[in-house]
Amino acid sequence: MSSESLVAAATILAFGLIVLGVALGSAIGDGIVASKAVEAIARQPEARPNIFTFLFLGVGVLEAFPIISLGLAFYLLLVVANVPGLLAHLSH
């Protein structure tokens, strides 16, 4: 096994772990925010418009993190490690 194939394998594994963590964390966070909003509306129905405003703000901020993380993961995959170039080089 060459060092180039090891770098490509480690980068692909790191990319998969980043995507897994982002998807799992975002799903859990969205569920918690939504469940707390439903609980708050059940306790104070008259505050529903304000709760919805904060729900959408919370989910919006929460969804910004996965988008940034996926961008950094693709940067790691395509620019830093240049995995497509490594794979093309290894196939020859």
PDB file of N, CA and C in Angstrom:
ATOM      1  N   MET A   1       0.848  -1.168   0.000  1.00  0.00           N
ATOM      2  CA  MET A   1       0.000   0.000   0.000  1.00  0.00           C
ATOM      3  C   MET A   1       0.897   1.235   0.000  1.00  0.00           C
ATOM      4  N   SER A   2       0.654   2.110  -0.950  1.00  0.00           N
ATOM      5  CA  SER A   2       1.467   3.319  -1.054  1.00  0.00           C
ATOM      6  C   SER A   2       0.929   4.398  -0.114  1.00  0.00           C
ATOM      7  N   SER A   3       1.757   5.398   0.096  1.00  0.00           N
ATOM      8  CA  SER A   3       1.327   6.496   0.971  1.00  0.00           C
ATOM      9  C   SER A   3       0.187   7.287   0.336  1.00  0.00           C
ATOM     10  N   GLU A   4       0.144   7.346  -0.998  1.00  0.00           N
ATOM     11  CA  GLU A   4      -0.938   8.064  -1.674  1.00  0.00           C
ATOM     12  C   GLU A   4      -2.275   7.368  -1.473  1.00  0.00           C
ATOM     13  N   SER A   5      -2.278   6.050  -1.537  1.00  0.00           N
ATOM     14  CA  SER A   5      -3.537   5.334  -1.325  1.00  0.00           C
ATOM     15  C   SER A   5      -3.978   5.432   0.133  1.00  0.00           C
ATOM     16  N   LEU A   6      -3.028   5.483   1.046  1.00  0.00           N
ATOM     17  CA  LEU A   6      -3.357   5.657   2.456  1.00  0.00           C
ATOM     18  C   LEU A   6      -3.976   7.034   2.712  1.00  0.00           C
ATOM     19  N   VAL A   7      -3.423   8.075   2.085  1.00  0.00           N
ATOM     20  CA  VAL A   7      -3.982   9.422   2.218  1.00  0.00           C
ATOM     21  C   VAL A   7      -5.388   9.469   1.628  1.00  0.00           C
ATOM     22  N   ALA A   8      -5.584   8.858   0.476  1.00  0.00           N
ATOM     23  CA  ALA A   8      -6.913   8.846  -0.149  1.00  0.00           C
ATOM     24  C   ALA A   8      -7.915   8.104   0.728  1.00  0.00           C
ATOM     25  N   ALA A   9      -7.527   6.963   1.273  1.00  0.00           N
ATOM     26  CA  ALA A   9      -8.434   6.194   2.126  1.00  0.00           C
ATOM     27  C   ALA A   9      -8.772   6.945   3.407  1.00  0.00           C
ATOM     28  N   ALA A  10      -7.774   7.563   4.035  1.00  0.00           N
ATOM     29  CA  ALA A  10      -8.022   8.308   5.268  1.00  0.00           C
ATOM     30  C   ALA A  10      -8.909   9.520   5.014  1.00  0.00           C
ATOM     31  N   THR A  11      -8.708  10.177   3.886  1.00  0.00           N
ATOM     32  CA  THR A  11      -9.528  11.346   3.565  1.00  0.00           C
ATOM     33  C   THR A  11     -10.968  10.950   3.289  1.00  0.00           C
ATOM     34  N   ILE A  12     -11.175   9.878   2.563  1.00  0.00           N
ATOM     35  CA  ILE A  12     -12.536   9.408   2.287  1.00  0.00           C
ATOM     36  C   ILE A  12     -13.213   8.972   3.584  1.00  0.00           C
ATOM     37  N   LEU A  13     -12.480   8.318   4.466  1.00  0.00           N
ATOM     38  CA  LEU A  13     -13.037   7.931   5.764  1.00  0.00           C
ATOM     39  C   LEU A  13     -13.382   9.166   6.603  1.00  0.00           C
ATOM     40  N   ALA A  14     -12.513  10.163   6.628  1.00  0.00           N
ATOM     41  CA  ALA A  14     -12.787  11.399   7.368  1.00  0.00           C
ATOM     42  C   ALA A  14     -13.997  12.116   6.791  1.00  0.00           C
ATOM     43  N   PHE A  15     -14.119  12.134   5.467  1.00  0.00           N
ATOM     44  CA  PHE A  15     -15.273  12.757   4.827  1.00  0.00           C
ATOM     45  C   PHE A  15     -16.561  12.054   5.253  1.00  0.00           C
ATOM     46  N   GLY A  16     -16.551  10.730   5.262  1.00  0.00           N
ATOM     47  CA  GLY A  16     -17.729   9.979   5.698  1.00  0.00           C
ATOM     48  C   GLY A  16     -18.086  10.241   7.151  1.00  0.00           C
ATOM     49  N   LEU A  17     -17.089  10.335   8.016  1.00  0.00           N
ATOM     50  CA  LEU A  17     -17.346  10.625   9.433  1.00  0.00           C
ATOM     51  C   LEU A  17     -17.902  12.033   9.631  1.00  0.00           C
ATOM     52  N   ILE A  18     -17.400  12.993   8.854  1.00  0.00           N
ATOM     53  CA  ILE A  18     -17.914  14.356   8.952  1.00  0.00           C
ATOM     54  C   ILE A  18     -19.371  14.396   8.525  1.00  0.00           C
ATOM     55  N   VAL A  19     -19.688  13.763   7.407  1.00  0.00           N
ATOM     56  CA  VAL A  19     -21.073  13.746   6.921  1.00  0.00           C
ATOM     57  C   VAL A  19     -21.981  13.023   7.912  1.00  0.00           C
ATOM     58  N   LEU A  20     -21.522  11.925   8.485  1.00  0.00           N
ATOM     59  CA  LEU A  20     -22.305  11.204   9.485  1.00  0.00           C
ATOM     60  C   LEU A  20     -22.574  12.078  10.706  1.00  0.00           C
ATOM     61  N   GLY A  21     -21.554  12.719  11.217  1.00  0.00           N
ATOM     62  CA  GLY A  21     -21.724  13.567  12.389  1.00  0.00           C
ATOM     63  C   GLY A  21     -22.637  14.750  12.131  1.00  0.00           C
ATOM     64  N   VAL A  22     -22.495  15.357  10.962  1.00  0.00           N
ATOM     65  CA  VAL A  22     -23.333  16.497  10.615  1.00  0.00           C
ATOM     66  C   VAL A  22     -24.796  16.075  10.489  1.00  0.00           C
ATOM     67  N   ALA A  23     -25.049  14.973   9.815  1.00  0.00           N
ATOM     68  CA  ALA A  23     -26.426  14.513   9.622  1.00  0.00           C
ATOM     69  C   ALA A  23     -27.060  14.120  10.954  1.00  0.00           C
ATOM     70  N   LEU A  24     -26.335  13.392  11.756  1.00  0.00           N
ATOM     71  CA  LEU A  24     -26.871  12.941  13.040  1.00  0.00           C
ATOM     72  C   LEU A  24     -27.100  14.125  13.983  1.00  0.00           C
ATOM     73  N   GLY A  25     -26.130  14.995  14.106  1.00  0.00           N
ATOM     74  CA  GLY A  25     -26.269  16.148  14.989  1.00  0.00           C
ATOM     75  C   GLY A  25     -27.378  17.084  14.564  1.00  0.00           C
ATOM     76  N   SER A  26     -27.494  17.309  13.277  1.00  0.00           N
ATOM     77  CA  SER A  26     -28.544  18.190  12.779  1.00  0.00           C
ATOM     78  C   SER A  26     -29.929  17.596  13.004  1.00  0.00           C
ATOM     79  N   ALA A  27     -30.070  16.312  12.778  1.00  0.00           N
ATOM     80  CA  ALA A  27     -31.369  15.659  12.987  1.00  0.00           C
ATOM     81  C   ALA A  27     -31.772  15.692  14.459  1.00  0.00           C
ATOM     82  N   ILE A  28     -30.830  15.411  15.334  1.00  0.00           N
ATOM     83  CA  ILE A  28     -31.133  15.446  16.771  1.00  0.00           C
ATOM     84  C   ILE A  28     -31.474  16.870  17.205  1.00  0.00           C
ATOM     85  N   GLY A  29     -30.698  17.840  16.747  1.00  0.00           N
ATOM     86  CA  GLY A  29     -30.956  19.233  17.105  1.00  0.00           C
ATOM     87  C   GLY A  29     -32.302  19.728  16.606  1.00  0.00           C
ATOM     88  N   ASP A  30     -32.641  19.402  15.359  1.00  0.00           N
ATOM     89  CA  ASP A  30     -33.946  19.797  14.828  1.00  0.00           C
ATOM     90  C   ASP A  30     -35.081  19.171  15.630  1.00  0.00           C
ATOM     91  N   GLY A  31     -34.921  17.926  16.007  1.00  0.00           N
ATOM     92  CA  GLY A  31     -35.955  17.258  16.799  1.00  0.00           C
ATOM     93  C   GLY A  31     -36.131  17.891  18.164  1.00  0.00           C
ATOM     94  N   ILE A  32     -35.026  18.229  18.806  1.00  0.00           N
ATOM     95  CA  ILE A  32     -35.110  18.854  20.129  1.00  0.00           C
ATOM     96  C   ILE A  32     -35.764  20.227  20.040  1.00  0.00           C
ATOM     97  N   VAL A  33     -35.349  21.034  19.063  1.00  0.00           N
ATOM     98  CA  VAL A  33     -35.922  22.376  18.917  1.00  0.00           C
ATOM     99  C   VAL A  33     -37.421  22.288  18.634  1.00  0.00           C
ATOM    100  N   ALA A  34     -37.819  21.398  17.738  1.00  0.00           N
ATOM    101  CA  ALA A  34     -39.237  21.268  17.406  1.00  0.00           C
ATOM    102  C   ALA A  34     -40.046  20.751  18.591  1.00  0.00           C
ATOM    103  N   SER A  35     -39.515  19.787  19.321  1.00  0.00           N
ATOM    104  CA  SER A  35     -40.268  19.250  20.457  1.00  0.00           C
ATOM    105  C   SER A  35     -40.433  20.301  21.562  1.00  0.00           C
ATOM    106  N   LYS A  36     -39.400  21.094  21.787  1.00  0.00           N
ATOM    107  CA  LYS A  36     -39.517  22.153  22.796  1.00  0.00           C
ATOM    108  C   LYS A  36     -40.509  23.229  22.354  1.00  0.00           C
ATOM    109  N   ALA A  37     -40.569  23.498  21.066  1.00  0.00           N
ATOM    110  CA  ALA A  37     -41.541  24.475  20.572  1.00  0.00           C
ATOM    111  C   ALA A  37     -42.961  23.954  20.755  1.00  0.00           C
ATOM    112  N   VAL A  38     -43.190  22.676  20.486  1.00  0.00           N
ATOM    113  CA  VAL A  38     -44.519  22.098  20.679  1.00  0.00           C
ATOM    114  C   VAL A  38     -44.898  22.122  22.158  1.00  0.00           C
ATOM    115  N   GLU A  39     -43.950  21.815  23.031  1.00  0.00           N
ATOM    116  CA  GLU A  39     -44.220  21.880  24.470  1.00  0.00           C
ATOM    117  C   GLU A  39     -44.567  23.303  24.899  1.00  0.00           C
ATOM    118  N   ALA A  40     -43.841  24.276  24.383  1.00  0.00           N
ATOM    119  CA  ALA A  40     -44.096  25.664  24.751  1.00  0.00           C
ATOM    120  C   ALA A  40     -45.464  26.125  24.251  1.00  0.00           C
ATOM    121  N   ILE A  41     -45.840  25.725  23.043  1.00  0.00           N
ATOM    122  CA  ILE A  41     -47.151  26.093  22.511  1.00  0.00           C
ATOM    123  C   ILE A  41     -48.260  25.408  23.306  1.00  0.00           C
ATOM    124  N   ALA A  42     -48.020  24.187  23.744  1.00  0.00           N
ATOM    125  CA  ALA A  42     -49.030  23.485  24.545  1.00  0.00           C
ATOM    126  C   ALA A  42     -49.236  24.182  25.891  1.00  0.00           C
ATOM    127  N   ARG A  43     -48.162  24.741  26.456  1.00  0.00           N
ATOM    128  CA  ARG A  43     -48.278  25.441  27.737  1.00  0.00           C
ATOM    129  C   ARG A  43     -48.867  26.838  27.599  1.00  0.00           C
ATOM    130  N   GLN A  44     -48.503  27.523  26.514  1.00  0.00           N
ATOM    131  CA  GLN A  44     -48.971  28.900  26.307  1.00  0.00           C
ATOM    132  C   GLN A  44     -49.420  29.078  24.861  1.00  0.00           C
ATOM    133  N   PRO A  45     -50.629  28.671  24.541  1.00  0.00           N
ATOM    134  CA  PRO A  45     -51.103  28.780  23.151  1.00  0.00           C
ATOM    135  C   PRO A  45     -51.142  30.221  22.629  1.00  0.00           C
ATOM    136  N   GLU A  46     -51.336  31.177  23.515  1.00  0.00           N
ATOM    137  CA  GLU A  46     -51.409  32.575  23.065  1.00  0.00           C
ATOM    138  C   GLU A  46     -50.053  33.109  22.608  1.00  0.00           C
ATOM    139  N   ALA A  47     -48.972  32.444  22.968  1.00  0.00           N
ATOM    140  CA  ALA A  47     -47.626  32.873  22.569  1.00  0.00           C
ATOM    141  C   ALA A  47     -47.155  32.177  21.298  1.00  0.00           C
ATOM    142  N   ARG A  48     -48.066  31.536  20.597  1.00  0.00           N
ATOM    143  CA  ARG A  48     -47.696  30.760  19.407  1.00  0.00           C
ATOM    144  C   ARG A  48     -46.925  31.557  18.354  1.00  0.00           C
ATOM    145  N   PRO A  49     -47.331  32.779  17.985  1.00  0.00           N
ATOM    146  CA  PRO A  49     -46.553  33.503  16.963  1.00  0.00           C
ATOM    147  C   PRO A  49     -45.103  33.763  17.381  1.00  0.00           C
ATOM    148  N   ASN A  50     -44.902  34.141  18.636  1.00  0.00           N
ATOM    149  CA  ASN A  50     -43.526  34.376  19.103  1.00  0.00           C
ATOM    150  C   ASN A  50     -42.715  33.087  19.140  1.00  0.00           C
ATOM    151  N   ILE A  51     -43.358  32.008  19.553  1.00  0.00           N
ATOM    152  CA  ILE A  51     -42.655  30.723  19.624  1.00  0.00           C
ATOM    153  C   ILE A  51     -42.256  30.264  18.223  1.00  0.00           C
ATOM    154  N   PHE A  52     -43.166  30.447  17.250  1.00  0.00           N
ATOM    155  CA  PHE A  52     -42.829  30.068  15.877  1.00  0.00           C
ATOM    156  C   PHE A  52     -41.664  30.891  15.339  1.00  0.00           C
ATOM    157  N   THR A  53     -41.627  32.163  15.685  1.00  0.00           N
ATOM    158  CA  THR A  53     -40.515  33.009  15.244  1.00  0.00           C
ATOM    159  C   THR A  53     -39.192  32.458  15.769  1.00  0.00           C
ATOM    160  N   PHE A  54     -39.162  32.140  17.052  1.00  0.00           N
ATOM    161  CA  PHE A  54     -37.930  31.602  17.623  1.00  0.00           C
ATOM    162  C   PHE A  54     -37.634  30.190  17.140  1.00  0.00           C
ATOM    163  N   LEU A  55     -38.676  29.417  16.820  1.00  0.00           N
ATOM    164  CA  LEU A  55     -38.474  28.085  16.250  1.00  0.00           C
ATOM    165  C   LEU A  55     -37.751  28.198  14.914  1.00  0.00           C
ATOM    166  N   PHE A  56     -38.237  29.080  14.048  1.00  0.00           N
ATOM    167  CA  PHE A  56     -37.606  29.220  12.737  1.00  0.00           C
ATOM    168  C   PHE A  56     -36.204  29.804  12.838  1.00  0.00           C
ATOM    169  N   LEU A  57     -35.995  30.726  13.760  1.00  0.00           N
ATOM    170  CA  LEU A  57     -34.644  31.252  13.970  1.00  0.00           C
ATOM    171  C   LEU A  57     -33.701  30.161  14.475  1.00  0.00           C
ATOM    172  N   GLY A  58     -34.186  29.363  15.424  1.00  0.00           N
ATOM    173  CA  GLY A  58     -33.362  28.285  15.969  1.00  0.00           C
ATOM    174  C   GLY A  58     -33.015  27.235  14.936  1.00  0.00           C
ATOM    175  N   VAL A  59     -33.995  26.844  14.146  1.00  0.00           N
ATOM    176  CA  VAL A  59     -33.733  25.841  13.111  1.00  0.00           C
ATOM    177  C   VAL A  59     -32.823  26.417  12.028  1.00  0.00           C
ATOM    178  N   GLY A  60     -33.002  27.694  11.710  1.00  0.00           N
ATOM    179  CA  GLY A  60     -32.133  28.325  10.714  1.00  0.00           C
ATOM    180  C   GLY A  60     -30.685  28.359  11.151  1.00  0.00           C
ATOM    181  N   VAL A  61     -30.459  28.730  12.396  1.00  0.00           N
ATOM    182  CA  VAL A  61     -29.088  28.743  12.925  1.00  0.00           C
ATOM    183  C   VAL A  61     -28.541  27.320  13.003  1.00  0.00           C
ATOM    184  N   LEU A  62     -29.392  26.405  13.394  1.00  0.00           N
ATOM    185  CA  LEU A  62     -28.976  25.016  13.509  1.00  0.00           C
ATOM    186  C   LEU A  62     -28.612  24.424  12.150  1.00  0.00           C
ATOM    187  N   GLU A  63     -29.307  24.823  11.098  1.00  0.00           N
ATOM    188  CA  GLU A  63     -29.021  24.288   9.763  1.00  0.00           C
ATOM    189  C   GLU A  63     -27.816  24.960   9.116  1.00  0.00           C
ATOM    190  N   ALA A  64     -27.377  26.093   9.623  1.00  0.00           N
ATOM    191  CA  ALA A  64     -26.184  26.735   9.066  1.00  0.00           C
ATOM    192  C   ALA A  64     -24.937  25.905   9.352  1.00  0.00           C
ATOM    193  N   PHE A  65     -24.875  25.292  10.505  1.00  0.00           N
ATOM    194  CA  PHE A  65     -23.701  24.498  10.871  1.00  0.00           C
ATOM    195  C   PHE A  65     -23.472  23.306   9.925  1.00  0.00           C
ATOM    196  N   PRO A  66     -24.489  22.499   9.589  1.00  0.00           N
ATOM    197  CA  PRO A  66     -24.237  21.393   8.656  1.00  0.00           C
ATOM    198  C   PRO A  66     -23.809  21.864   7.274  1.00  0.00           C
ATOM    199  N   ILE A  67     -24.351  22.984   6.813  1.00  0.00           N
ATOM    200  CA  ILE A  67     -23.961  23.475   5.490  1.00  0.00           C
ATOM    201  C   ILE A  67     -22.493  23.887   5.496  1.00  0.00           C
ATOM    202  N   ILE A  68     -22.074  24.579   6.535  1.00  0.00           N
ATOM    203  CA  ILE A  68     -20.667  24.970   6.647  1.00  0.00           C
ATOM    204  C   ILE A  68     -19.784  23.737   6.770  1.00  0.00           C
ATOM    205  N   SER A  69     -20.196  22.761   7.562  1.00  0.00           N
ATOM    206  CA  SER A  69     -19.407  21.539   7.748  1.00  0.00           C
ATOM    207  C   SER A  69     -19.284  20.744   6.457  1.00  0.00           C
ATOM    208  N   LEU A  70     -20.362  20.646   5.699  1.00  0.00           N
ATOM    209  CA  LEU A  70     -20.288  19.930   4.423  1.00  0.00           C
ATOM    210  C   LEU A  70     -19.378  20.658   3.441  1.00  0.00           C
ATOM    211  N   GLY A  71     -19.432  21.984   3.450  1.00  0.00           N
ATOM    212  CA  GLY A  71     -18.515  22.742   2.596  1.00  0.00           C
ATOM    213  C   GLY A  71     -17.066  22.477   2.957  1.00  0.00           C
ATOM    214  N   LEU A  72     -16.772  22.465   4.250  1.00  0.00           N
ATOM    215  CA  LEU A  72     -15.397  22.172   4.687  1.00  0.00           C
ATOM    216  C   LEU A  72     -15.003  20.727   4.374  1.00  0.00           C
ATOM    217  N   ALA A  73     -15.955  19.803   4.483  1.00  0.00           N
ATOM    218  CA  ALA A  73     -15.661  18.402   4.166  1.00  0.00           C
ATOM    219  C   ALA A  73     -15.329  18.239   2.682  1.00  0.00           C
ATOM    220  N   PHE A  74     -16.103  18.891   1.813  1.00  0.00           N
ATOM    221  CA  PHE A  74     -15.795  18.821   0.384  1.00  0.00           C
ATOM    222  C   PHE A  74     -14.473  19.503   0.071  1.00  0.00           C
ATOM    223  N   TYR A  75     -14.173  20.593   0.781  1.00  0.00           N
ATOM    224  CA  TYR A  75     -12.881  21.246   0.604  1.00  0.00           C
ATOM    225  C   TYR A  75     -11.744  20.295   0.984  1.00  0.00           C
ATOM    226  N   LEU A  76     -11.915  19.593   2.101  1.00  0.00           N
ATOM    227  CA  LEU A  76     -10.924  18.615   2.529  1.00  0.00           C
ATOM    228  C   LEU A  76     -10.751  17.516   1.482  1.00  0.00           C
ATOM    229  N   LEU A  77     -11.857  17.046   0.952  1.00  0.00           N
ATOM    230  CA  LEU A  77     -11.844  15.937  -0.006  1.00  0.00           C
ATOM    231  C   LEU A  77     -11.252  16.345  -1.350  1.00  0.00           C
ATOM    232  N   LEU A  78     -11.686  17.485  -1.867  1.00  0.00           N
ATOM    233  CA  LEU A  78     -11.342  17.838  -3.246  1.00  0.00           C
ATOM    234  C   LEU A  78     -10.114  18.729  -3.379  1.00  0.00           C
ATOM    235  N   VAL A  79      -9.829  19.561  -2.391  1.00  0.00           N
ATOM    236  CA  VAL A  79      -8.730  20.519  -2.527  1.00  0.00           C
ATOM    237  C   VAL A  79      -7.521  20.103  -1.707  1.00  0.00           C
ATOM    238  N   VAL A  80      -7.737  19.859  -0.415  1.00  0.00           N
ATOM    239  CA  VAL A  80      -6.598  19.573   0.460  1.00  0.00           C
ATOM    240  C   VAL A  80      -5.955  18.239   0.095  1.00  0.00           C
ATOM    241  N   ALA A  81      -6.748  17.181   0.015  1.00  0.00           N
ATOM    242  CA  ALA A  81      -6.188  15.866  -0.274  1.00  0.00           C
ATOM    243  C   ALA A  81      -6.191  15.541  -1.758  1.00  0.00           C
ATOM    244  N   ASN A  82      -6.948  16.277  -2.563  1.00  0.00           N
ATOM    245  CA  ASN A  82      -7.044  16.047  -4.007  1.00  0.00           C
ATOM    246  C   ASN A  82      -7.304  14.570  -4.306  1.00  0.00           C
ATOM    247  N   VAL A  83      -8.330  14.023  -3.682  1.00  0.00           N
ATOM    248  CA  VAL A  83      -8.646  12.604  -3.821  1.00  0.00           C
ATOM    249  C   VAL A  83      -8.938  12.205  -5.265  1.00  0.00           C
ATOM    250  N   PRO A  84      -9.673  13.005  -6.069  1.00  0.00           N
ATOM    251  CA  PRO A  84      -9.857  12.580  -7.466  1.00  0.00           C
ATOM    252  C   PRO A  84      -8.536  12.434  -8.216  1.00  0.00           C
ATOM    253  N   GLY A  85      -7.608  13.350  -7.969  1.00  0.00           N
ATOM    254  CA  GLY A  85      -6.289  13.243  -8.603  1.00  0.00           C
ATOM    255  C   GLY A  85      -5.521  12.028  -8.105  1.00  0.00           C
ATOM    256  N   LEU A  86      -5.619  11.745  -6.795  1.00  0.00           N
ATOM    257  CA  LEU A  86      -4.950  10.568  -6.248  1.00  0.00           C
ATOM    258  C   LEU A  86      -5.530   9.281  -6.815  1.00  0.00           C
ATOM    259  N   LEU A  87      -6.853   9.229  -6.925  1.00  0.00           N
ATOM    260  CA  LEU A  87      -7.480   8.035  -7.460  1.00  0.00           C
ATOM    261  C   LEU A  87      -7.146   7.839  -8.929  1.00  0.00           C
ATOM    262  N   ALA A  88      -7.071   8.925  -9.690  1.00  0.00           N
ATOM    263  CA  ALA A  88      -6.666   8.814 -11.096  1.00  0.00           C
ATOM    264  C   ALA A  88      -5.220   8.356 -11.205  1.00  0.00           C
ATOM    265  N   HIS A  89      -4.361   8.846 -10.322  1.00  0.00           N
ATOM    266  CA  HIS A  89      -2.958   8.453 -10.329  1.00  0.00           C
ATOM    267  C   HIS A  89      -2.802   6.976  -9.923  1.00  0.00           C
ATOM    268  N   LEU A  90      -3.605   6.519  -8.970  1.00  0.00           N
ATOM    269  CA  LEU A  90      -3.502   5.129  -8.512  1.00  0.00           C
ATOM    270  C   LEU A  90      -4.061   4.143  -9.518  1.00  0.00           C
ATOM    271  N   SER A  91      -4.966   4.599 -10.383  1.00  0.00           N
ATOM    272  CA  SER A  91      -5.583   3.673 -11.339  1.00  0.00           C
ATOM    273  C   SER A  91      -4.666   3.344 -12.500  1.00  0.00           C
ATOM    274  N   HIS A  92      -3.601   4.139 -12.686  1.00  0.00           N
ATOM    275  CA  HIS A  92      -2.673   3.871 -13.804  1.00  0.00           C
ATOM    276  C   HIS A  92      -1.671   2.836 -13.446  1.00  0.00           C
TER     277      HIS A  92
END
